[in-house]
Amino acid sequence: MRGTGLTKEILIRLYTKLGKTDKEIAEFFDLDRTTIVHNRKKLGIEARKNSGQIGEALVISKLAKRGFKVKDMNEKDKTYLYDLKVNGCIRVEVKTSRLHEGKFTFPMSNKKEAECVPSEHRILSPTGRTIKLYRKTCDFVIFVGLTSEKIYYYIVPSSLIADGSTSIGFTPTVNHKYKQFENQWKLISGVNKAAN
């Protein structure tokens, strides 16, 4: 990066402290994004967690504080059918969205490029995207909505997620289909008692 004016200190300031993306930094310095990624790794500047990873970490923390034992299934296999196993028997999928124009939009499908294969757990949409059948793969879908002021949690039984939903969106400040499930952690406790 010699000659570009981009030092480790500047990269830390832009990427870590100001939250600029690799692409934004690359455009500012008229470089390729992969150059920024390579140099960030070379300089030991860790990649930020994406929204999905942040949401999962938040849910793990919330569950642990409520006395649940949580296993992150993504640590072993990122293609696992669900994200978390709670108390050894409750399967949880976590979906995360940042507030955009007053609305959360949670992606429920995979792009064609992900090359997910249709199966008894996954269907193919007319657009070529694959969609999990959440009622078959998990017990709950926890929607995590991130805003600068508040974190929203909706603990939704997977049987209420319509087959074929490619995305689920709602405005957190108005009544919506999932509002009744906001902070309803007791639903997981109820399943846990029934399983024992």
Foldseek 3Di string as FASTA:
>chain_A
DPPLPDDPVNLCCQCPVVPHQLVRVCVVSVHDSVVSVVVCVVSPNDHDDDQQVVQVVVVCVVCVVVPWDKDQPVVPPVPALAGIDINNHFGEHEWEAEQDPQKGKTFQWADLVVVDDDDPQWDADPVNIIGGLQLPRGQWYWYWYDYPVDIKIFTGGSVPDDPPDRMDMDRQVDDDPRVVRIPPCVVVVVVVVVVD
